[in-house]
């Protein structure tokens, strides 16, 4: 049987050759495009494969007290990174790192996921590495391709004072911080940002601007040289922040409130400068630096004393008898009381089917307005407040800054509660409340809740006849408080005279606040705020003036008893420390 030769149809041959030629032309065109037309682009990409850009953190601005003493400083620390795309075996390398720096692999893996941005961008793994840990990393460097470390400035806090609720702390941004990164578009995962306190409030001032350096790396991601040495982009340090805090007074205040729960605020009424401020219990800012263990975090979070609560700006408390001056102002302003009129206190007052009690069970006898404030008689105010409307009381409360944010230079603050008619109607119904509710409000109880920082504004207005400066932490020019009450000099003088009787009167509830310093004139008011969850809160608010130098004080001690017995003695020691120190400084500055 004869076999015929293999034959390919002519048309198929033509098609095959045509496709081959077309393919070669396409390849030539692509080659021309890469080698000739886009040479610069691909050269840069090739360089990028062997050049690593590393951001240089800007030293953060220092936080200083009013005299230039350092409250928050920087110190060098080492941070461990990896380039995800250069890791040959992530699990194996993390196992080696874990042994080298004594950090659980799970934490390394967690940090990797939190701070991952892309395969070729540095991802933070650990921070605050010791030299011993770094040396072990160096010993195993050949087994850790894509792993490197860099020096960064880290925050360090003064050992003289805590001031943790004022200063706040820093936090690493991670991939869960999307809302923060939307607000700060130039922040990346792994960057540090002020998270609380002044660190947060003045982030834009303290932060500075990053720089960058560029290194040649080999196929294993190891640095083999510097690119463009001397031409790196240097970081711009952040600006220093000078606060109004006096570190020595802050120390005194912290010592007086040690192991307690409460708040202390010292400020200069005329300017609004806060020279010392304490919220206790507090926390160690160092806890938020580096990798906090789960145990440490749980201890802070689940502590029933709430150390993370900033009590001076966000704590809400009934003001107790400290509000009697506001009731007095409302009575005088609306001409509803004759200061000389005496009313009887038998220890309780019957209103409808309820008995409202005075703190003194045996009663104060017959007292006028001055004596009622000096002795803090509740019954006197139970009777006189009925001559006022809720609106008249609310207007005075509002003028002194209660029930609203003060807008001082701090990231968070609570408004508190001062009830108006709409509030009472919503809570009790239109017919669910009446004049009887005013009796508790007259003595700072009932639905009223305030913050200690609002109380500082309140006492500063009393000290300056309504011309107090806006409270602030950043040292600078005086800014008048947005809430500036205006009353006649006669009313201001009367109220201040009554407050002096609280401290100097034979029956004054604040006698224990007097340090008996020559030339020092004090005025104040104690308060005992009933608390449904335990012992009452003790208040003292007041101001002192010595030779024209004036300071105000707000003290709140939670669940401690009566203001005159608990808060006033501490006020005495704080006033003594402040004015004795001030006298020393004045003497040192004198020629």
Protein backbone atom coordinates (compact mmCIF):
# COMPACT_ATOMS: atom_id res chain seq x y z
CA UNK A 1 0.00 0.00 0.00
CA UNK A 2 1.48 3.32 -1.05
CA UNK A 3 1.76 6.16 1.49
CA UNK A 4 1.26 9.74 0.47
CA UNK A 5 3.47 12.61 1.76
CA UNK A 6 2.18 14.69 4.73
CA UNK A 7 0.75 17.81 3.31
CA UNK A 8 -0.36 20.98 5.14
CA UNK A 9 -3.02 23.00 3.51
CA UNK A 10 -1.64 26.22 2.14
CA UNK A 11 -4.05 28.47 4.05
CA UNK A 12 -3.05 26.97 7.43
CA UNK A 13 0.60 27.56 6.62
CA UNK A 14 -0.04 31.20 5.84
CA UNK A 15 -2.02 31.70 9.04
CA UNK A 16 0.69 30.08 11.18
CA UNK A 17 3.44 32.18 9.70
CA UNK A 18 1.39 35.31 10.06
CA UNK A 19 0.73 34.68 13.75
CA UNK A 20 4.43 33.98 14.33
CA UNK A 21 5.43 37.23 12.69
CA UNK A 22 2.76 39.17 14.62
CA UNK A 23 3.95 37.70 17.92
CA UNK A 24 7.53 38.64 17.15
CA UNK A 25 6.46 42.17 16.30
CA UNK A 26 4.54 42.45 19.57
CA UNK A 27 7.56 41.22 21.50
CA UNK A 28 9.80 43.68 19.72
CA UNK A 29 7.34 46.49 20.44
CA UNK A 30 7.21 45.52 24.10
CA UNK A 31 10.97 45.33 24.28
CA UNK A 32 11.25 48.77 22.65
CA UNK A 33 8.72 50.17 25.10
CA UNK A 34 10.57 48.79 28.13
CA UNK A 35 14.14 49.46 27.00
CA UNK A 36 13.73 52.73 25.17
CA UNK A 37 10.44 54.55 25.88
CA UNK A 38 10.04 53.71 29.59
CA UNK A 39 13.66 53.23 30.53
CA UNK A 40 13.60 55.75 33.38
CA UNK A 41 10.48 54.29 34.94
CA UNK A 42 11.74 50.74 35.00
CA UNK A 43 15.20 51.78 36.08
CA UNK A 44 13.66 53.40 39.15
CA UNK A 45 11.58 50.31 39.85
CA UNK A 46 14.69 48.16 39.57
CA UNK A 47 16.48 50.47 41.94
CA UNK A 48 13.55 50.17 44.28
CA UNK A 49 14.11 46.45 44.43
CA UNK A 50 17.55 47.03 45.91
CA UNK A 51 16.94 50.33 47.78
CA UNK A 52 14.98 50.47 51.04
CA UNK A 53 13.51 53.72 52.24
CA UNK A 54 13.17 53.98 56.03
CA UNK A 55 11.29 56.81 57.70
CA UNK A 56 13.09 58.71 60.44
CA UNK A 57 10.85 59.56 63.39
CA UNK A 58 10.86 63.16 64.46
CA UNK A 59 11.77 63.77 68.11
CA UNK A 60 8.55 64.75 69.82
CA UNK A 61 8.39 68.10 71.56
CA UNK A 62 8.99 68.10 75.30
CA UNK A 63 6.25 68.95 77.80
CA UNK A 64 7.47 71.43 80.41
CA UNK A 65 6.05 72.97 83.58
CA UNK A 66 5.59 76.73 83.91
CA UNK A 67 9.18 77.16 85.15
CA UNK A 68 10.83 75.04 82.45
CA UNK A 69 11.14 71.79 84.41
CA UNK A 70 10.64 68.73 82.22
CA UNK A 71 7.42 66.78 82.66
CA UNK A 72 7.75 64.56 79.56
CA UNK A 73 11.05 63.89 77.81
CA UNK A 74 12.34 61.63 75.01
CA UNK A 75 14.88 58.84 75.16
CA UNK A 76 16.25 56.57 72.42
CA UNK A 77 14.71 53.15 72.04
CA UNK A 78 14.99 50.41 69.43
CA UNK A 79 12.10 49.11 67.34
CA UNK A 80 12.10 45.79 65.47
CA UNK A 81 10.65 45.72 61.94
CA UNK A 82 10.24 43.31 59.10
CA UNK A 83 9.69 43.69 55.34
CA UNK A 84 6.88 41.14 54.73
CA UNK A 85 7.90 40.48 51.13
CA UNK A 86 11.47 39.67 52.18
CA UNK A 87 10.56 37.09 54.83
CA UNK A 88 11.50 33.60 53.59
CA UNK A 89 9.67 31.67 56.33
CA UNK A 90 7.65 33.91 58.61
CA UNK A 91 6.77 31.21 61.12
CA UNK A 92 10.40 30.10 61.47
CA UNK A 93 11.73 33.63 61.72
CA UNK A 94 9.13 34.62 64.32
CA UNK A 95 10.12 31.54 66.32
CA UNK A 96 13.76 32.68 66.31
CA UNK A 97 12.81 36.27 67.22
CA UNK A 98 10.59 35.02 70.03
CA UNK A 99 13.52 33.21 71.65
CA UNK A 100 15.92 36.11 71.04
CA UNK A 101 13.80 38.80 72.70
CA UNK A 102 11.66 36.63 75.02
CA UNK A 103 8.37 37.69 73.45
CA UNK A 104 5.55 35.30 72.64
CA UNK A 105 5.16 34.36 68.98
CA UNK A 106 1.47 35.18 69.27
CA UNK A 107 2.32 38.79 70.13
CA UNK A 108 4.68 39.03 67.15
CA UNK A 109 2.00 37.61 64.90
CA UNK A 110 -0.60 39.98 66.35
CA UNK A 111 1.66 43.01 65.81
CA UNK A 112 2.40 41.84 62.27
CA UNK A 113 -1.31 41.83 61.43
CA UNK A 114 -2.02 45.12 63.22
CA UNK A 115 0.75 47.11 61.57
CA UNK A 116 0.95 45.43 58.14
CA UNK A 117 0.65 47.94 55.25
CA UNK A 118 2.12 46.20 52.22
CA UNK A 119 4.64 43.52 51.26
CA UNK A 120 7.48 45.99 50.86
CA UNK A 121 6.81 48.51 53.62
CA UNK A 122 8.25 48.12 57.14
CA UNK A 123 5.93 46.42 59.62
CA UNK A 124 6.48 46.94 63.35
CA UNK A 125 6.99 43.75 65.37
CA UNK A 126 8.28 44.87 68.79
CA UNK A 127 9.66 47.93 70.55
CA UNK A 128 11.81 48.95 73.50
CA UNK A 129 14.47 46.31 72.71
CA UNK A 130 17.41 46.08 75.09
CA UNK A 131 21.03 45.82 73.95
CA UNK A 132 21.06 42.17 74.99
CA UNK A 133 18.04 41.50 72.78
CA UNK A 134 19.62 43.39 69.89
CA UNK A 135 22.84 41.40 70.21
CA UNK A 136 20.92 38.12 69.95
CA UNK A 137 19.09 39.43 66.87
CA UNK A 138 22.48 40.28 65.35
CA UNK A 139 23.81 36.78 66.09
CA UNK A 140 20.93 35.25 64.11
CA UNK A 141 20.77 37.89 61.38
CA UNK A 142 21.60 35.43 58.56
CA UNK A 143 18.56 33.37 59.59
CA UNK A 144 16.33 36.47 59.66
CA UNK A 145 16.13 37.90 56.11
CA UNK A 146 13.80 40.89 55.95
CA UNK A 147 14.16 41.66 59.68
CA UNK A 148 15.87 44.84 60.91
CA UNK A 149 15.75 47.36 63.76
CA UNK A 150 15.98 51.13 64.00
CA UNK A 151 16.39 53.66 66.78
CA UNK A 152 13.34 55.77 67.64
CA UNK A 153 12.66 58.48 70.22
CA UNK A 154 10.33 57.25 72.96
CA UNK A 155 8.47 59.11 75.72
CA UNK A 156 9.82 59.11 79.26
CA UNK A 157 7.98 60.70 82.17
CA UNK A 158 9.37 62.62 85.12
CA UNK A 159 9.71 60.67 88.34
CA UNK A 160 8.83 63.70 90.48
CA UNK A 161 5.11 63.72 89.70
CA UNK A 162 2.57 61.46 88.01
CA UNK A 163 0.17 63.95 86.42
CA UNK A 164 -0.95 61.08 84.20
CA UNK A 165 -4.46 62.39 83.56
CA UNK A 166 -3.08 65.77 82.52
CA UNK A 167 -0.23 64.54 80.34
CA UNK A 168 -2.03 61.52 78.84
CA UNK A 169 -0.18 58.91 76.82
CA UNK A 170 0.81 57.79 73.33
CA UNK A 171 -0.59 54.88 71.34
CA UNK A 172 0.52 52.96 68.26
CA UNK A 173 -1.88 53.28 65.36
CA UNK A 174 -2.86 49.93 63.91
CA UNK A 175 -5.12 48.65 61.15
CA UNK A 176 -8.15 48.99 63.44
CA UNK A 177 -7.63 52.76 63.79
CA UNK A 178 -9.30 53.63 60.48
CA UNK A 179 -11.26 56.58 61.89
CA UNK A 180 -8.12 58.14 63.32
CA UNK A 181 -6.23 57.69 60.04
CA UNK A 182 -9.11 59.28 58.15
CA UNK A 183 -8.73 62.36 60.33
CA UNK A 184 -4.93 62.28 60.11
CA UNK A 185 -4.30 61.13 56.55
CA UNK A 186 -0.51 61.37 56.87
CA UNK A 187 -0.42 58.79 59.69
CA UNK A 188 0.40 55.17 58.94
CA UNK A 189 0.02 51.91 60.84
CA UNK A 190 2.74 51.73 63.46
CA UNK A 191 2.93 55.50 63.97
CA UNK A 192 2.63 56.89 67.48
CA UNK A 193 -0.12 59.39 68.20
CA UNK A 194 -1.19 61.28 71.31
CA UNK A 195 -4.15 59.32 72.61
CA UNK A 196 -5.17 61.08 75.82
CA UNK A 197 -4.53 64.28 77.75
CA UNK A 198 -2.21 67.03 76.54
CA UNK A 199 -0.43 64.53 74.28
CA UNK A 200 -3.68 64.30 72.32
CA UNK A 201 -4.83 67.91 72.65
CA UNK A 202 -1.57 69.33 71.26
CA UNK A 203 -0.62 66.50 68.89
CA UNK A 204 -0.07 68.88 65.96
CA UNK A 205 2.39 70.99 67.97
CA UNK A 206 4.30 68.14 69.60
CA UNK A 207 4.56 65.74 66.64
CA UNK A 208 7.05 67.29 64.22
CA UNK A 209 7.67 65.96 60.69
CA UNK A 210 9.26 62.66 59.70
CA UNK A 211 12.44 62.38 57.68
CA UNK A 212 13.75 59.48 55.57
CA UNK A 213 16.95 57.62 54.83
CA UNK A 214 17.72 55.19 52.00
CA UNK A 215 19.80 52.00 52.12
CA UNK A 216 21.04 49.49 49.58
CA UNK A 217 19.95 45.95 50.38
CA UNK A 218 20.99 42.58 48.99
CA UNK A 219 18.80 39.71 47.84
CA UNK A 220 18.22 38.77 51.49
CA UNK A 221 17.06 42.24 52.45
CA UNK A 222 20.23 42.98 54.37
CA UNK A 223 21.60 46.52 54.32
CA UNK A 224 24.85 46.76 52.37
CA UNK A 225 25.30 50.48 52.07
CA UNK A 226 23.82 53.96 52.27
CA UNK A 227 22.33 55.61 49.20
CA UNK A 228 23.11 59.27 48.70
CA UNK A 229 24.94 59.58 51.96
CA UNK A 230 24.56 63.07 53.40
CA UNK A 231 21.42 63.72 51.37
CA UNK A 232 18.90 62.01 53.65
CA UNK A 233 15.75 63.88 54.59
CA UNK A 234 16.23 64.97 58.19
CA UNK A 235 13.20 64.97 60.49
CA UNK A 236 11.85 68.23 61.92
CA UNK A 237 11.52 68.01 65.72
CA UNK A 238 8.20 68.85 67.32
CA UNK A 239 7.81 72.06 69.31
CA UNK A 240 8.05 72.07 73.10
CA UNK A 241 4.86 72.60 75.08
CA UNK A 242 5.09 74.93 78.10
CA UNK A 243 2.24 74.25 80.52
CA UNK A 244 0.81 76.23 83.42
CA UNK A 245 1.62 73.40 85.85
CA UNK A 246 3.99 74.09 88.75
CA UNK A 247 5.77 70.80 89.36
CA UNK A 248 6.40 71.48 93.07
CA UNK A 249 2.74 72.35 93.77
CA UNK A 250 1.64 69.39 91.67
CA UNK A 251 3.82 67.17 93.85
CA UNK A 252 2.23 68.55 97.03
CA UNK A 253 -1.26 68.01 95.71
CA UNK A 254 -0.48 64.44 94.65
CA UNK A 255 0.93 63.65 98.08
CA UNK A 256 -2.17 65.01 99.83
CA UNK A 257 -4.48 62.86 97.71
CA UNK A 258 -2.33 59.75 97.67
CA UNK A 259 -4.23 56.46 98.19
CA UNK A 260 -7.58 58.28 97.95
CA UNK A 261 -10.26 58.68 95.29
CA UNK A 262 -10.95 62.20 94.24
CA UNK A 263 -9.79 65.42 92.63
CA UNK A 264 -7.68 68.44 93.48
CA UNK A 265 -7.37 71.59 91.33
CA UNK A 266 -5.30 74.70 92.05
CA UNK A 267 -5.67 77.62 89.66
CA UNK A 268 -5.11 81.36 89.38
CA UNK A 269 -8.60 82.91 89.20
CA UNK A 270 -7.74 86.02 87.22
CA UNK A 271 -5.80 84.27 84.44
CA UNK A 272 -7.37 80.79 84.53
CA UNK A 273 -3.96 79.09 84.70
CA UNK A 274 -4.17 75.62 86.23
CA UNK A 275 -1.03 75.25 88.35
CA UNK A 276 -1.80 71.79 89.74
CA UNK A 277 -4.43 69.20 88.93
CA UNK A 278 -4.84 65.67 90.28
CA UNK A 279 -7.29 62.86 89.55
CA UNK A 280 -6.84 59.79 91.75
CA UNK A 281 -6.38 56.96 91.46
CA UNK A 282 -4.29 57.37 88.36
CA UNK A 283 -2.14 55.12 86.20
CA UNK A 284 1.44 54.88 85.04
CA UNK A 285 1.77 56.31 81.52
CA UNK A 286 4.60 53.82 80.96
CA UNK A 287 1.96 51.07 80.80
CA UNK A 288 0.97 52.32 77.37
CA UNK A 289 4.52 52.42 76.07
CA UNK A 290 5.47 49.32 74.16
CA UNK A 291 3.62 46.04 74.43
CA UNK A 292 1.42 46.01 77.48
CA UNK A 293 0.78 42.51 78.75
CA UNK A 294 -2.77 41.25 78.98
CA UNK A 295 -2.36 40.95 82.74
CA UNK A 296 -1.32 44.59 83.16
CA UNK A 297 -4.13 45.77 80.89
CA UNK A 298 -6.77 43.79 82.77
CA UNK A 299 -5.53 45.17 86.07
CA UNK A 300 -6.14 48.70 84.79
CA UNK A 301 -9.41 48.05 82.94
CA UNK A 302 -11.14 46.02 85.64
CA UNK A 303 -9.92 48.01 88.64
CA UNK A 304 -13.09 49.05 90.52
CA UNK A 305 -11.41 52.31 91.50
CA UNK A 306 -11.41 53.32 87.80
CA UNK A 307 -7.86 54.66 87.45
CA UNK A 308 -8.43 55.52 83.77
CA UNK A 309 -11.34 57.85 84.60
CA UNK A 310 -10.29 61.47 84.36
CA UNK A 311 -12.27 62.69 87.34
CA UNK A 312 -11.50 66.40 87.06
CA UNK A 313 -12.99 66.68 83.54
CA UNK A 314 -15.32 63.69 83.26
CA UNK A 315 -16.28 62.73 86.82
CA UNK A 316 -19.87 63.69 87.74
CA UNK A 317 -20.80 64.47 91.35
CA UNK A 318 -23.52 66.23 93.33
CA UNK A 319 -22.01 69.53 94.54
CA UNK A 320 -23.68 69.44 97.96
CA UNK A 321 -23.63 72.57 100.10
CA UNK A 322 -21.07 74.31 97.89
CA UNK A 323 -24.10 75.29 95.77
CA UNK A 324 -25.61 77.33 98.59
CA UNK A 325 -23.75 80.41 97.34
CA UNK A 326 -25.56 80.07 94.01
CA UNK A 327 -28.88 79.78 95.79
CA UNK A 328 -27.88 82.87 97.78
CA UNK A 329 -27.04 84.81 94.60
CA UNK A 330 -30.41 83.86 93.07
CA UNK A 331 -32.22 85.02 96.23
CA UNK A 332 -30.31 88.32 96.36
CA UNK A 333 -30.53 88.99 92.63
CA UNK A 334 -34.28 88.48 92.55
CA UNK A 335 -34.75 90.28 95.90
CA UNK A 336 -36.48 87.31 97.53
CA UNK A 337 -34.71 87.46 100.86
CA UNK A 338 -33.80 89.95 103.56
CA UNK A 339 -30.29 88.93 104.69
CA UNK A 340 -31.10 89.93 108.26
CA UNK A 341 -34.28 87.80 108.39
CA UNK A 342 -33.92 84.85 110.77
CA UNK A 343 -35.56 81.49 110.17
CA UNK A 344 -35.69 78.60 112.60
CA UNK A 345 -33.85 75.33 112.03
CA UNK A 346 -34.99 72.46 114.25
CA UNK A 347 -32.91 69.85 112.46
CA UNK A 348 -35.56 68.98 109.87
CA UNK A 349 -38.20 70.61 107.69
CA UNK A 350 -41.57 69.17 106.76
CA UNK A 351 -42.78 69.76 103.22
CA UNK A 352 -45.93 67.96 102.15
CA UNK A 353 -45.59 64.38 103.28
CA UNK A 354 -41.77 64.45 103.35
CA UNK A 355 -39.16 65.49 105.90
CA UNK A 356 -36.02 67.22 104.67
CA UNK A 357 -33.22 67.00 107.21
CA UNK A 358 -30.35 69.26 108.15
CA UNK A 359 -26.88 67.82 108.67
CA UNK A 360 -27.09 68.95 112.31
CA UNK A 361 -29.77 66.76 113.83
CA UNK A 362 -30.39 69.09 116.80
CA UNK A 363 -30.81 72.07 114.49
CA UNK A 364 -29.11 75.48 114.29
CA UNK A 365 -31.86 77.48 115.97
CA UNK A 366 -32.72 80.86 114.46
CA UNK A 367 -30.23 81.88 111.73
CA UNK A 368 -29.99 84.64 109.13
CA UNK A 369 -28.43 84.32 105.66
CA UNK A 370 -24.85 84.89 106.82
CA UNK A 371 -25.17 82.35 109.62
CA UNK A 372 -26.88 79.87 107.30
CA UNK A 373 -23.81 79.86 105.01
CA UNK A 374 -21.29 79.96 107.86
CA UNK A 375 -22.89 76.92 109.55
CA UNK A 376 -24.15 75.40 106.27
CA UNK A 377 -27.73 75.19 107.50
CA UNK A 378 -29.92 73.22 105.09
CA UNK A 379 -33.27 74.13 106.63
CA UNK A 380 -32.75 77.85 106.02
CA UNK A 381 -32.37 77.19 102.29
CA UNK A 382 -35.26 74.68 102.23
CA UNK A 383 -37.50 77.54 103.29
CA UNK A 384 -36.11 80.38 101.22
CA UNK A 385 -35.72 78.46 97.92
CA UNK A 386 -39.51 78.19 97.72
CA UNK A 387 -39.52 81.89 96.90
CA UNK A 388 -37.69 81.12 93.65
CA UNK A 389 -38.66 79.38 90.42
CA UNK A 390 -36.63 76.60 88.79
CA UNK A 391 -35.90 78.96 85.89
CA UNK A 392 -34.44 81.59 88.21
CA UNK A 393 -32.14 78.99 89.78
CA UNK A 394 -31.21 77.47 86.44
CA UNK A 395 -30.26 80.89 85.03
CA UNK A 396 -27.72 81.45 87.81
CA UNK A 397 -26.30 77.91 87.50
CA UNK A 398 -25.85 78.40 83.78
CA UNK A 399 -24.12 81.77 84.18
CA UNK A 400 -21.42 80.09 86.26
CA UNK A 401 -20.70 77.48 83.57
CA UNK A 402 -22.66 74.48 84.84
CA UNK A 403 -24.51 72.16 82.48
CA UNK A 404 -22.19 72.96 79.55
CA UNK A 405 -18.71 72.28 78.24
CA UNK A 406 -16.25 74.95 79.31
CA UNK A 407 -14.09 74.52 76.22
CA UNK A 408 -10.78 74.51 78.08
CA UNK A 409 -7.73 73.10 76.29
CA UNK A 410 -8.34 69.45 76.97
CA UNK A 411 -9.65 66.70 74.68
CA UNK A 412 -12.67 65.58 76.73
CA UNK A 413 -15.05 67.02 79.29
CA UNK A 414 -18.55 66.25 80.51
CA UNK A 415 -21.39 68.76 80.57
CA UNK A 416 -22.89 67.56 83.80
CA UNK A 417 -26.58 68.02 84.58
CA UNK A 418 -28.45 71.09 85.77
CA UNK A 419 -32.16 70.44 85.37
CA UNK A 420 -34.53 72.87 83.71
CA UNK A 421 -38.29 72.49 83.28
CA UNK A 422 -37.93 70.41 80.10
CA UNK A 423 -35.56 68.04 81.87
CA UNK A 424 -37.87 67.62 84.86
CA UNK A 425 -40.93 67.12 82.64
CA UNK A 426 -39.13 64.42 80.69
CA UNK A 427 -37.97 62.62 83.81
CA UNK A 428 -41.04 62.92 86.02
CA UNK A 429 -43.86 64.04 83.73
CA UNK A 430 -45.53 67.43 83.78
CA UNK A 431 -47.25 66.74 87.06
CA UNK A 432 -44.59 64.51 88.57
CA UNK A 433 -42.56 67.25 90.15
CA UNK A 434 -43.20 70.49 92.01
CA UNK A 435 -41.62 72.97 94.43
CA UNK A 436 -40.54 70.10 96.62
CA UNK A 437 -37.84 69.19 94.09
CA UNK A 438 -36.28 72.60 94.54
CA UNK A 439 -35.53 71.89 98.20
CA UNK A 440 -32.86 69.34 97.32
CA UNK A 441 -31.51 71.48 94.49
CA UNK A 442 -31.09 74.45 96.85
CA UNK A 443 -28.44 72.49 98.75
CA UNK A 444 -26.77 70.92 95.71
CA UNK A 445 -28.55 67.59 95.73
CA UNK A 446 -31.30 66.00 93.65
CA UNK A 447 -30.72 65.83 89.91
CA UNK A 448 -27.70 68.16 89.88
CA UNK A 449 -24.36 66.68 88.73
CA UNK A 450 -21.20 68.71 88.11
CA UNK A 451 -17.56 68.17 87.18
CA UNK A 452 -14.69 69.39 89.40
CA UNK A 453 -13.36 71.56 86.55
CA UNK A 454 -16.75 73.33 86.46
CA UNK A 455 -16.41 73.87 90.20
CA UNK A 456 -13.01 75.49 89.57
CA UNK A 457 -14.61 77.94 87.13
CA UNK A 458 -17.34 78.59 89.71
CA UNK A 459 -14.98 79.44 92.58
CA UNK A 460 -12.80 81.53 90.24
CA UNK A 461 -15.80 83.68 89.33
CA UNK A 462 -16.55 84.17 93.02
CA UNK A 463 -12.94 85.21 93.57
CA UNK A 464 -12.93 87.75 90.70
CA UNK A 465 -16.51 89.05 90.74
CA UNK A 466 -17.27 87.25 87.50
CA UNK A 467 -14.06 88.22 85.67
CA UNK A 468 -12.25 84.88 85.83
CA UNK A 469 -9.92 83.80 83.07
CA UNK A 470 -10.77 80.71 81.05
CA UNK A 471 -9.18 77.63 82.60
CA UNK A 472 -6.24 76.31 80.60
CA UNK A 473 -3.10 74.18 80.69
CA UNK A 474 -1.12 75.83 77.88
CA UNK A 475 0.83 78.78 79.17
CA UNK A 476 -0.18 81.93 77.34
CA UNK A 477 -2.30 85.02 77.45
CA UNK A 478 -5.39 85.41 79.57
CA UNK A 479 -8.69 84.57 77.89
CA UNK A 480 -11.92 85.50 79.68
CA UNK A 481 -14.25 82.67 80.53
CA UNK A 482 -17.13 82.32 78.07
CA UNK A 483 -19.55 82.16 81.00
CA UNK A 484 -19.15 85.48 82.81
CA UNK A 485 -21.86 86.22 85.38
CA UNK A 486 -22.69 89.88 85.98
CA UNK A 487 -24.08 91.03 89.32
CA UNK A 488 -23.82 94.13 91.41
CA UNK A 489 -20.73 94.70 93.54
CA UNK A 490 -23.02 94.59 96.55
CA UNK A 491 -24.02 90.97 95.82
CA UNK A 492 -20.41 89.88 95.18
CA UNK A 493 -19.22 91.54 98.37
CA UNK A 494 -21.99 89.93 100.43
CA UNK A 495 -21.30 86.43 99.13
CA UNK A 496 -17.53 86.79 99.66
CA UNK A 497 -18.10 88.07 103.19
CA UNK A 498 -20.26 85.03 103.94
CA UNK A 499 -17.55 82.70 102.58
CA UNK A 500 -14.96 84.32 104.85
CA UNK A 501 -17.19 83.55 107.82
CA UNK A 502 -17.09 79.88 106.77
CA UNK A 503 -13.33 79.93 107.39
CA UNK A 504 -13.00 82.48 110.22
CA UNK A 505 -16.35 82.32 112.03
CA UNK A 506 -16.59 80.57 115.40
CA UNK A 507 -19.14 78.16 113.95
CA UNK A 508 -17.67 78.08 110.45
CA UNK A 509 -17.68 74.63 108.85
CA UNK A 510 -14.40 75.44 107.07
CA UNK A 511 -12.32 76.55 110.09
CA UNK A 512 -9.94 73.64 109.53
CA UNK A 513 -8.93 75.08 106.14
CA UNK A 514 -7.17 78.09 107.72
CA UNK A 515 -3.35 77.69 107.79
CA UNK A 516 -3.07 80.93 109.84
CA UNK A 517 -0.44 82.59 107.66
CA UNK A 518 0.16 86.31 108.29
CA UNK A 519 -1.30 88.39 105.50
CA UNK A 520 -3.35 85.52 104.02
CA UNK A 521 -7.09 86.10 103.61
CA UNK A 522 -9.23 83.04 102.84
CA UNK A 523 -12.81 82.49 101.73
CA UNK A 524 -14.40 79.11 101.16
CA UNK A 525 -17.27 76.70 101.43
CA UNK A 526 -17.51 73.09 102.51
CA UNK A 527 -19.89 70.56 101.05
CA UNK A 528 -21.09 67.08 101.87
CA UNK A 529 -22.62 65.43 98.82
CA UNK A 530 -24.94 62.54 99.54
CA UNK A 531 -24.03 59.42 97.63
CA UNK A 532 -26.45 56.48 97.16
CA UNK A 533 -23.52 54.09 96.69
CA UNK A 534 -21.77 54.65 100.01
CA UNK A 535 -20.39 57.36 102.27
CA UNK A 536 -20.90 60.96 101.12
CA UNK A 537 -18.33 62.86 99.07
CA UNK A 538 -16.42 65.63 100.86
CA UNK A 539 -15.98 69.01 99.12
CA UNK A 540 -13.99 72.13 99.83
CA UNK A 541 -13.85 75.06 97.43
CA UNK A 542 -12.19 78.34 98.25
CA UNK A 543 -9.62 80.97 97.40
CA UNK A 544 -6.81 82.72 99.21
CA UNK A 545 -5.19 86.11 98.71
CA UNK A 546 -1.86 87.21 100.16
CA UNK A 547 -0.54 90.63 99.23
CA UNK A 548 -2.42 90.53 95.92
CA UNK A 549 -1.32 87.00 95.02
CA UNK A 550 -4.44 84.88 94.64
CA UNK A 551 -5.07 81.17 94.14
CA UNK A 552 -8.20 79.01 94.20
CA UNK A 553 -8.62 75.44 95.35
CA UNK A 554 -11.16 72.72 94.59
CA UNK A 555 -10.99 69.51 96.60
CA UNK A 556 -13.25 66.50 96.25
CA UNK A 557 -12.66 63.30 98.22
CA UNK A 558 -14.98 60.47 97.32
CA UNK A 559 -16.84 58.42 99.94
CA UNK A 560 -14.99 60.01 102.83
CA UNK A 561 -17.49 61.88 105.02
CA UNK A 562 -18.16 65.55 105.73
CA UNK A 563 -16.41 68.33 103.86
CA UNK A 564 -15.49 70.26 107.00
CA UNK A 565 -13.95 67.20 108.64
CA UNK A 566 -12.17 65.62 105.68
CA UNK A 567 -11.58 68.09 102.84
CA UNK A 568 -10.98 71.29 104.85
CA UNK A 569 -7.88 70.01 106.77
CA UNK A 570 -6.28 68.95 103.48
CA UNK A 571 -7.09 72.38 102.06
CA UNK A 572 -5.19 73.94 104.98
CA UNK A 573 -2.01 72.00 104.17
CA UNK A 574 -2.28 72.77 100.44
CA UNK A 575 -2.80 76.51 101.04
CA UNK A 576 0.16 76.50 103.46
CA UNK A 577 2.44 74.77 100.94
CA UNK A 578 1.43 77.10 98.13
CA UNK A 579 1.74 80.40 99.97
CA UNK A 580 4.90 79.43 101.86
CA UNK A 581 6.52 78.39 98.58
CA UNK A 582 5.32 81.54 96.86
CA UNK A 583 6.79 83.67 99.65
CA UNK A 584 10.13 81.89 99.25
CA UNK A 585 10.15 82.49 95.49
CA UNK A 586 9.29 86.16 95.96
CA UNK A 587 12.10 86.52 98.52
CA UNK A 588 14.58 84.86 96.14
CA UNK A 589 13.61 87.24 93.33
CA UNK A 590 13.85 90.36 95.54
CA UNK A 591 17.06 92.47 95.25
